[in-house]
Amino acid sequence: GSKLSGLKGTFTSPNFPSHYPPQTTCVWDIEVP
């Protein structure tokens, strides 16, 4: 997770395309103009 800003961007679950870990929480805060 992270803070994402701008007009566009990309993000993935952890380890994608491999398996994500169990008991995980990710938060992405997205802000555009």
PDB file of all heavy atoms in Angstrom:
ATOM      1  N   GLY A   1       0.836  -1.179   0.000  1.00  0.00           N
ATOM      2  CA  GLY A   1       0.000   0.000   0.000  1.00  0.00           C
ATOM      3  C   GLY A   1       0.877   1.237   0.000  1.00  0.00           C
ATOM      4  O   GLY A   1       2.073   1.176   0.268  1.00  0.00           O
ATOM      5  N   SER A   2       0.287   2.360  -0.349  1.00  0.00           N
ATOM      6  CA  SER A   2       1.021   3.617  -0.382  1.00  0.00           C
ATOM      7  C   SER A   2       0.062   4.739  -0.719  1.00  0.00           C
ATOM      8  O   SER A   2      -1.127   4.519  -0.914  1.00  0.00           O
ATOM      9  CB  SER A   2       2.152   3.554  -1.414  1.00  0.00           C
ATOM     10  OG  SER A   2       1.612   3.376  -2.713  1.00  0.00           O
ATOM     11  N   LYS A   3       0.596   5.927  -0.819  1.00  0.00           N
ATOM     12  CA  LYS A   3      -0.176   7.073  -1.288  1.00  0.00           C
ATOM     13  C   LYS A   3       0.101   7.210  -2.774  1.00  0.00           C
ATOM     14  O   LYS A   3       1.253   7.273  -3.192  1.00  0.00           O
ATOM     15  CB  LYS A   3       0.221   8.339  -0.545  1.00  0.00           C
ATOM     16  CG  LYS A   3      -0.589   9.544  -0.946  1.00  0.00           C
ATOM     17  CD  LYS A   3      -0.355  10.689   0.007  1.00  0.00           C
ATOM     18  CE  LYS A   3      -1.088  11.939  -0.425  1.00  0.00           C
ATOM     19  NZ  LYS A   3      -2.512  11.842  -0.432  1.00  0.00           N
ATOM     20  N   LEU A   4      -0.954   7.202  -3.583  1.00  0.00           N
ATOM     21  CA  LEU A   4      -0.836   7.327  -5.025  1.00  0.00           C
ATOM     22  C   LEU A   4      -1.507   8.625  -5.459  1.00  0.00           C
ATOM     23  O   LEU A   4      -2.591   8.947  -4.978  1.00  0.00           O
ATOM     24  CB  LEU A   4      -1.513   6.145  -5.720  1.00  0.00           C
ATOM     25  CG  LEU A   4      -1.017   4.756  -5.338  1.00  0.00           C
ATOM     26  CD1 LEU A   4      -1.920   3.679  -5.926  1.00  0.00           C
ATOM     27  CD2 LEU A   4       0.411   4.558  -5.798  1.00  0.00           C
ATOM     28  N   SER A   5      -0.851   9.366  -6.338  1.00  0.00           N
ATOM     29  CA  SER A   5      -1.438  10.623  -6.808  1.00  0.00           C
ATOM     30  C   SER A   5      -1.068  10.845  -8.261  1.00  0.00           C
ATOM     31  O   SER A   5      -0.265  10.108  -8.834  1.00  0.00           O
ATOM     32  CB  SER A   5      -0.954  11.790  -5.939  1.00  0.00           C
ATOM     33  OG  SER A   5       0.451  11.900  -6.008  1.00  0.00           O
ATOM     34  N   GLY A   6      -1.677  11.841  -8.854  1.00  0.00           N
ATOM     35  CA  GLY A   6      -1.437  12.141 -10.256  1.00  0.00           C
ATOM     36  C   GLY A   6      -2.655  11.812 -11.083  1.00  0.00           C
ATOM     37  O   GLY A   6      -3.755  11.625 -10.562  1.00  0.00           O
ATOM     38  N   LEU A   7      -2.455  11.732 -12.395  1.00  0.00           N
ATOM     39  CA  LEU A   7      -3.564  11.460 -13.304  1.00  0.00           C
ATOM     40  C   LEU A   7      -3.806   9.970 -13.517  1.00  0.00           C
ATOM     41  O   LEU A   7      -4.911   9.560 -13.861  1.00  0.00           O
ATOM     42  CB  LEU A   7      -3.324  12.130 -14.656  1.00  0.00           C
ATOM     43  CG  LEU A   7      -3.295  13.659 -14.614  1.00  0.00           C
ATOM     44  CD1 LEU A   7      -2.953  14.226 -15.975  1.00  0.00           C
ATOM     45  CD2 LEU A   7      -4.627  14.203 -14.123  1.00  0.00           C
ATOM     46  N   LYS A   8      -2.775   9.135 -13.326  1.00  0.00           N
ATOM     47  CA  LYS A   8      -2.962   7.693 -13.460  1.00  0.00           C
ATOM     48  C   LYS A   8      -1.799   6.956 -12.821  1.00  0.00           C
ATOM     49  O   LYS A   8      -0.733   7.531 -12.586  1.00  0.00           O
ATOM     50  CB  LYS A   8      -3.135   7.273 -14.910  1.00  0.00           C
ATOM     51  CG  LYS A   8      -1.973   7.589 -15.818  1.00  0.00           C
ATOM     52  CD  LYS A   8      -2.315   7.174 -17.228  1.00  0.00           C
ATOM     53  CE  LYS A   8      -1.248   7.598 -18.204  1.00  0.00           C
ATOM     54  NZ  LYS A   8      -1.539   7.153 -19.556  1.00  0.00           N
ATOM     55  N   GLY A   9      -2.020   5.678 -12.536  1.00  0.00           N
ATOM     56  CA  GLY A   9      -0.989   4.847 -11.934  1.00  0.00           C
ATOM     57  C   GLY A   9      -1.431   3.401 -11.864  1.00  0.00           C
ATOM     58  O   GLY A   9      -2.552   3.054 -12.231  1.00  0.00           O
ATOM     59  N   THR A  10      -0.534   2.551 -11.387  1.00  0.00           N
ATOM     60  CA  THR A  10      -0.770   1.112 -11.298  1.00  0.00           C
ATOM     61  C   THR A  10      -0.397   0.620  -9.913  1.00  0.00           C
ATOM     62  O   THR A  10       0.541   1.127  -9.306  1.00  0.00           O
ATOM     63  CB  THR A  10       0.094   0.373 -12.354  1.00  0.00           C
ATOM     64  OG1 THR A  10      -0.256   0.857 -13.644  1.00  0.00           O
ATOM     65  CG2 THR A  10      -0.122  -1.118 -12.321  1.00  0.00           C
ATOM     66  N   PHE A  11      -1.118  -0.377  -9.409  1.00  0.00           N
ATOM     67  CA  PHE A  11      -0.770  -1.022  -8.146  1.00  0.00           C
ATOM     68  C   PHE A  11      -1.237  -2.469  -8.182  1.00  0.00           C
ATOM     69  O   PHE A  11      -2.107  -2.817  -8.972  1.00  0.00           O
ATOM     70  CB  PHE A  11      -1.348  -0.264  -6.939  1.00  0.00           C
ATOM     71  CG  PHE A  11      -2.844  -0.107  -6.943  1.00  0.00           C
ATOM     72  CD1 PHE A  11      -3.636  -0.914  -6.141  1.00  0.00           C
ATOM     73  CD2 PHE A  11      -3.467   0.857  -7.728  1.00  0.00           C
ATOM     74  CE1 PHE A  11      -5.009  -0.771  -6.131  1.00  0.00           C
ATOM     75  CE2 PHE A  11      -4.839   1.007  -7.726  1.00  0.00           C
ATOM     76  CZ  PHE A  11      -5.616   0.195  -6.924  1.00  0.00           C
ATOM     77  N   THR A  12      -0.622  -3.308  -7.346  1.00  0.00           N
ATOM     78  CA  THR A  12      -0.940  -4.738  -7.316  1.00  0.00           C
ATOM     79  C   THR A  12      -0.984  -5.238  -5.881  1.00  0.00           C
ATOM     80  O   THR A  12      -0.442  -4.603  -4.974  1.00  0.00           O
ATOM     81  CB  THR A  12       0.119  -5.575  -8.070  1.00  0.00           C
ATOM     82  OG1 THR A  12       1.357  -5.505  -7.369  1.00  0.00           O
ATOM     83  CG2 THR A  12       0.315  -5.091  -9.498  1.00  0.00           C
ATOM     84  N   SER A  13      -1.581  -6.400  -5.710  1.00  0.00           N
ATOM     85  CA  SER A  13      -1.513  -7.077  -4.423  1.00  0.00           C
ATOM     86  C   SER A  13      -0.068  -7.542  -4.210  1.00  0.00           C
ATOM     87  O   SER A  13       0.690  -7.674  -5.170  1.00  0.00           O
ATOM     88  CB  SER A  13      -2.484  -8.254  -4.387  1.00  0.00           C
ATOM     89  OG  SER A  13      -2.218  -9.141  -5.455  1.00  0.00           O
ATOM     90  N   PRO A  14       0.340  -7.799  -2.973  1.00  0.00           N
ATOM     91  CA  PRO A  14       1.718  -8.228  -2.710  1.00  0.00           C
ATOM     92  C   PRO A  14       2.082  -9.491  -3.486  1.00  0.00           C
ATOM     93  O   PRO A  14       1.282 -10.416  -3.588  1.00  0.00           O
ATOM     94  CB  PRO A  14       1.736  -8.506  -1.211  1.00  0.00           C
ATOM     95  CG  PRO A  14       0.558  -7.808  -0.658  1.00  0.00           C
ATOM     96  CD  PRO A  14      -0.451  -7.729  -1.750  1.00  0.00           C
ATOM     97  N   ASN A  15       3.254  -9.501  -4.068  1.00  0.00           N
ATOM     98  CA  ASN A  15       3.833 -10.640  -4.788  1.00  0.00           C
ATOM     99  C   ASN A  15       3.177 -10.955  -6.124  1.00  0.00           C
ATOM    100  O   ASN A  15       3.541 -11.945  -6.752  1.00  0.00           O
ATOM    101  CB  ASN A  15       3.830 -11.920  -3.938  1.00  0.00           C
ATOM    102  CG  ASN A  15       4.536 -11.742  -2.623  1.00  0.00           C
ATOM    103  OD1 ASN A  15       5.483 -10.980  -2.512  1.00  0.00           O
ATOM    104  ND2 ASN A  15       4.069 -12.445  -1.611  1.00  0.00           N
ATOM    105  N   PHE A  16       2.180 -10.182  -6.565  1.00  0.00           N
ATOM    106  CA  PHE A  16       1.498 -10.499  -7.820  1.00  0.00           C
ATOM    107  C   PHE A  16       2.514 -10.615  -8.947  1.00  0.00           C
ATOM    108  O   PHE A  16       3.405  -9.790  -9.038  1.00  0.00           O
ATOM    109  CB  PHE A  16       0.465  -9.417  -8.171  1.00  0.00           C
ATOM    110  CG  PHE A  16      -0.347  -9.756  -9.388  1.00  0.00           C
ATOM    111  CD1 PHE A  16      -1.471 -10.536  -9.269  1.00  0.00           C
ATOM    112  CD2 PHE A  16       0.032  -9.316 -10.642  1.00  0.00           C
ATOM    113  CE1 PHE A  16      -2.212 -10.878 -10.391  1.00  0.00           C
ATOM    114  CE2 PHE A  16      -0.695  -9.649 -11.766  1.00  0.00           C
ATOM    115  CZ  PHE A  16      -1.819 -10.433 -11.644  1.00  0.00           C
ATOM    116  N   PRO A  17       2.466 -11.632  -9.798  1.00  0.00           N
ATOM    117  CA  PRO A  17       1.419 -12.630  -9.989  1.00  0.00           C
ATOM    118  C   PRO A  17       1.598 -13.898  -9.153  1.00  0.00           C
ATOM    119  O   PRO A  17       0.892 -14.871  -9.360  1.00  0.00           O
ATOM    120  CB  PRO A  17       1.529 -12.958 -11.480  1.00  0.00           C
ATOM    121  CG  PRO A  17       2.979 -12.802 -11.782  1.00  0.00           C
ATOM    122  CD  PRO A  17       3.448 -11.684 -10.888  1.00  0.00           C
ATOM    123  N   SER A  18       2.546 -13.911  -8.231  1.00  0.00           N
ATOM    124  CA  SER A  18       2.645 -15.044  -7.295  1.00  0.00           C
ATOM    125  C   SER A  18       1.600 -14.856  -6.196  1.00  0.00           C
ATOM    126  O   SER A  18       0.924 -13.845  -6.131  1.00  0.00           O
ATOM    127  CB  SER A  18       4.047 -15.092  -6.680  1.00  0.00           C
ATOM    128  OG  SER A  18       5.004 -15.360  -7.679  1.00  0.00           O
ATOM    129  N   HIS A  19       1.498 -15.802  -5.316  1.00  0.00           N
ATOM    130  CA  HIS A  19       0.483 -15.756  -4.265  1.00  0.00           C
ATOM    131  C   HIS A  19       0.784 -14.689  -3.224  1.00  0.00           C
ATOM    132  O   HIS A  19       1.924 -14.509  -2.817  1.00  0.00           O
ATOM    133  CB  HIS A  19       0.367 -17.126  -3.581  1.00  0.00           C
ATOM    134  CG  HIS A  19      -0.278 -18.143  -4.463  1.00  0.00           C
ATOM    135  ND1 HIS A  19       0.383 -18.769  -5.494  1.00  0.00           N
ATOM    136  CD2 HIS A  19      -1.540 -18.628  -4.474  1.00  0.00           C
ATOM    137  CE1 HIS A  19      -0.446 -19.603  -6.103  1.00  0.00           C
ATOM    138  NE2 HIS A  19      -1.617 -19.535  -5.502  1.00  0.00           N
ATOM    139  N   TYR A  20      -0.260 -13.994  -2.823  1.00  0.00           N
ATOM    140  CA  TYR A  20      -0.122 -13.011  -1.750  1.00  0.00           C
ATOM    141  C   TYR A  20      -0.020 -13.736  -0.410  1.00  0.00           C
ATOM    142  O   TYR A  20      -0.470 -14.874  -0.274  1.00  0.00           O
ATOM    143  CB  TYR A  20      -1.284 -12.015  -1.749  1.00  0.00           C
ATOM    144  CG  TYR A  20      -2.673 -12.620  -1.720  1.00  0.00           C
ATOM    145  CD1 TYR A  20      -3.236 -13.097  -0.540  1.00  0.00           C
ATOM    146  CD2 TYR A  20      -3.424 -12.707  -2.884  1.00  0.00           C
ATOM    147  CE1 TYR A  20      -4.514 -13.641  -0.517  1.00  0.00           C
ATOM    148  CE2 TYR A  20      -4.701 -13.250  -2.867  1.00  0.00           C
ATOM    149  CZ  TYR A  20      -5.235 -13.707  -1.691  1.00  0.00           C
ATOM    150  OH  TYR A  20      -6.495 -14.245  -1.666  1.00  0.00           O
ATOM    151  N   PRO A  21       0.597 -13.118   0.586  1.00  0.00           N
ATOM    152  CA  PRO A  21       0.732 -13.771   1.890  1.00  0.00           C
ATOM    153  C   PRO A  21      -0.582 -13.761   2.667  1.00  0.00           C
ATOM    154  O   PRO A  21      -1.430 -12.896   2.443  1.00  0.00           O
ATOM    155  CB  PRO A  21       1.795 -12.932   2.598  1.00  0.00           C
ATOM    156  CG  PRO A  21       1.755 -11.619   1.925  1.00  0.00           C
ATOM    157  CD  PRO A  21       1.299 -11.846   0.518  1.00  0.00           C
ATOM    158  N   PRO A  22      -0.743 -14.710   3.587  1.00  0.00           N
ATOM    159  CA  PRO A  22      -1.941 -14.710   4.432  1.00  0.00           C
ATOM    160  C   PRO A  22      -1.863 -13.588   5.469  1.00  0.00           C
ATOM    161  O   PRO A  22      -0.792 -13.046   5.734  1.00  0.00           O
ATOM    162  CB  PRO A  22      -1.902 -16.083   5.104  1.00  0.00           C
ATOM    163  CG  PRO A  22      -0.459 -16.451   5.102  1.00  0.00           C
ATOM    164  CD  PRO A  22       0.132 -15.836   3.879  1.00  0.00           C
ATOM    165  N   GLN A  23      -3.005 -13.252   6.016  1.00  0.00           N
ATOM    166  CA  GLN A  23      -3.127 -12.287   7.111  1.00  0.00           C
ATOM    167  C   GLN A  23      -2.429 -10.964   6.763  1.00  0.00           C
ATOM    168  O   GLN A  23      -1.548 -10.491   7.471  1.00  0.00           O
ATOM    169  CB  GLN A  23      -2.564 -12.879   8.404  1.00  0.00           C
ATOM    170  CG  GLN A  23      -3.238 -12.359   9.629  1.00  0.00           C
ATOM    171  CD  GLN A  23      -2.883 -13.196  10.840  1.00  0.00           C
ATOM    172  OE1 GLN A  23      -1.918 -13.956  10.856  1.00  0.00           O
ATOM    173  NE2 GLN A  23      -3.672 -13.048  11.877  1.00  0.00           N
ATOM    174  N   THR A  24      -2.847 -10.390   5.639  1.00  0.00           N
ATOM    175  CA  THR A  24      -2.233  -9.162   5.140  1.00  0.00           C
ATOM    176  C   THR A  24      -3.294  -8.093   4.946  1.00  0.00           C
ATOM    177  O   THR A  24      -4.408  -8.386   4.519  1.00  0.00           O
ATOM    178  CB  THR A  24      -1.529  -9.435   3.792  1.00  0.00           C
ATOM    179  OG1 THR A  24      -0.525 -10.423   3.997  1.00  0.00           O
ATOM    180  CG2 THR A  24      -0.895  -8.198   3.216  1.00  0.00           C
ATOM    181  N   THR A  25      -2.938  -6.869   5.250  1.00  0.00           N
ATOM    182  CA  THR A  25      -3.781  -5.715   4.968  1.00  0.00           C
ATOM    183  C   THR A  25      -2.933  -4.678   4.255  1.00  0.00           C
ATOM    184  O   THR A  25      -1.861  -4.314   4.740  1.00  0.00           O
ATOM    185  CB  THR A  25      -4.368  -5.103   6.260  1.00  0.00           C
ATOM    186  OG1 THR A  25      -5.148  -6.097   6.923  1.00  0.00           O
ATOM    187  CG2 THR A  25      -5.228  -3.891   5.952  1.00  0.00           C
ATOM    188  N   CYS A  26      -3.396  -4.227   3.106  1.00  0.00           N
ATOM    189  CA  CYS A  26      -2.724  -3.185   2.335  1.00  0.00           C
ATOM    190  C   CYS A  26      -3.713  -2.054   2.104  1.00  0.00           C
ATOM    191  O   CYS A  26      -4.884  -2.308   1.816  1.00  0.00           O
ATOM    192  CB  CYS A  26      -2.271  -3.699   0.979  1.00  0.00           C
ATOM    193  SG  CYS A  26      -1.219  -5.157   1.026  1.00  0.00           S
ATOM    194  N   VAL A  27      -3.239  -0.816   2.195  1.00  0.00           N
ATOM    195  CA  VAL A  27      -4.094   0.347   1.980  1.00  0.00           C
ATOM    196  C   VAL A  27      -3.406   1.297   1.012  1.00  0.00           C
ATOM    197  O   VAL A  27      -2.268   1.709   1.244  1.00  0.00           O
ATOM    198  CB  VAL A  27      -4.397   1.071   3.313  1.00  0.00           C
ATOM    199  CG1 VAL A  27      -5.248   2.307   3.070  1.00  0.00           C
ATOM    200  CG2 VAL A  27      -5.078   0.137   4.300  1.00  0.00           C
ATOM    201  N   TRP A  28      -4.106   1.623  -0.071  1.00  0.00           N
ATOM    202  CA  TRP A  28      -3.628   2.609  -1.027  1.00  0.00           C
ATOM    203  C   TRP A  28      -4.558   3.807  -0.947  1.00  0.00           C
ATOM    204  O   TRP A  28      -5.770   3.680  -1.133  1.00  0.00           O
ATOM    205  CB  TRP A  28      -3.651   2.063  -2.453  1.00  0.00           C
ATOM    206  CG  TRP A  28      -2.681   0.957  -2.691  1.00  0.00           C
ATOM    207  CD1 TRP A  28      -1.384   1.065  -3.102  1.00  0.00           C
ATOM    208  CD2 TRP A  28      -2.918  -0.448  -2.538  1.00  0.00           C
ATOM    209  NE1 TRP A  28      -0.807  -0.169  -3.205  1.00  0.00           N
ATOM    210  CE2 TRP A  28      -1.733  -1.119  -2.868  1.00  0.00           C
ATOM    211  CE3 TRP A  28      -4.031  -1.203  -2.158  1.00  0.00           C
ATOM    212  CZ2 TRP A  28      -1.621  -2.496  -2.825  1.00  0.00           C
ATOM    213  CZ3 TRP A  28      -3.916  -2.578  -2.111  1.00  0.00           C
ATOM    214  CH2 TRP A  28      -2.727  -3.219  -2.446  1.00  0.00           C
ATOM    215  N   ASP A  29      -4.022   4.977  -0.644  1.00  0.00           N
ATOM    216  CA  ASP A  29      -4.780   6.220  -0.661  1.00  0.00           C
ATOM    217  C   ASP A  29      -4.514   6.878  -2.009  1.00  0.00           C
ATOM    218  O   ASP A  29      -3.374   7.208  -2.336  1.00  0.00           O
ATOM    219  CB  ASP A  29      -4.337   7.147   0.474  1.00  0.00           C
ATOM    220  CG  ASP A  29      -4.711   6.593   1.840  1.00  0.00           C
ATOM    221  OD1 ASP A  29      -5.863   6.141   1.988  1.00  0.00           O
ATOM    222  OD2 ASP A  29      -3.857   6.614   2.742  1.00  0.00           O
ATOM    223  N   ILE A  30      -5.568   7.039  -2.790  1.00  0.00           N
ATOM    224  CA  ILE A  30      -5.437   7.587  -4.143  1.00  0.00           C
ATOM    225  C   ILE A  30      -6.045   8.982  -4.164  1.00  0.00           C
ATOM    226  O   ILE A  30      -7.181   9.182  -3.708  1.00  0.00           O
ATOM    227  CB  ILE A  30      -6.143   6.689  -5.173  1.00  0.00           C
ATOM    228  CG1 ILE A  30      -5.553   5.274  -5.134  1.00  0.00           C
ATOM    229  CG2 ILE A  30      -6.036   7.290  -6.569  1.00  0.00           C
ATOM    230  CD1 ILE A  30      -6.276   4.272  -5.997  1.00  0.00           C
ATOM    231  N   GLU A  31      -5.282   9.928  -4.699  1.00  0.00           N
ATOM    232  CA  GLU A  31      -5.776  11.303  -4.832  1.00  0.00           C
ATOM    233  C   GLU A  31      -5.425  11.828  -6.221  1.00  0.00           C
ATOM    234  O   GLU A  31      -4.291  11.694  -6.675  1.00  0.00           O
ATOM    235  CB  GLU A  31      -5.171  12.200  -3.766  1.00  0.00           C
ATOM    236  CG  GLU A  31      -5.760  13.588  -3.754  1.00  0.00           C
ATOM    237  CD  GLU A  31      -5.290  14.435  -2.584  1.00  0.00           C
ATOM    238  OE1 GLU A  31      -4.588  13.907  -1.708  1.00  0.00           O
ATOM    239  OE2 GLU A  31      -5.638  15.620  -2.565  1.00  0.00           O
ATOM    240  N   VAL A  32      -6.425  12.392  -6.886  1.00  0.00           N
ATOM    241  CA  VAL A  32      -6.236  12.993  -8.203  1.00  0.00           C
ATOM    242  C   VAL A  32      -6.526  14.489  -8.070  1.00  0.00           C
ATOM    243  O   VAL A  32      -7.025  14.934  -7.038  1.00  0.00           O
ATOM    244  CB  VAL A  32      -7.139  12.314  -9.268  1.00  0.00           C
ATOM    245  CG1 VAL A  32      -6.792  10.825  -9.401  1.00  0.00           C
ATOM    246  CG2 VAL A  32      -8.609  12.491  -8.955  1.00  0.00           C
ATOM    247  N   PRO A  33      -6.236  15.297  -9.094  1.00  0.00           N
ATOM    248  CA  PRO A  33      -6.469  16.742  -8.991  1.00  0.00           C
ATOM    249  C   PRO A  33      -7.916  17.086  -8.633  1.00  0.00           C
ATOM    250  O   PRO A  33      -8.851  16.346  -8.970  1.00  0.00           O
ATOM    251  CB  PRO A  33      -6.110  17.266 -10.387  1.00  0.00           C
ATOM    252  CG  PRO A  33      -5.113  16.269 -10.902  1.00  0.00           C
ATOM    253  CD  PRO A  33      -5.564  14.945 -10.353  1.00  0.00           C
TER     254      PRO A  33
END
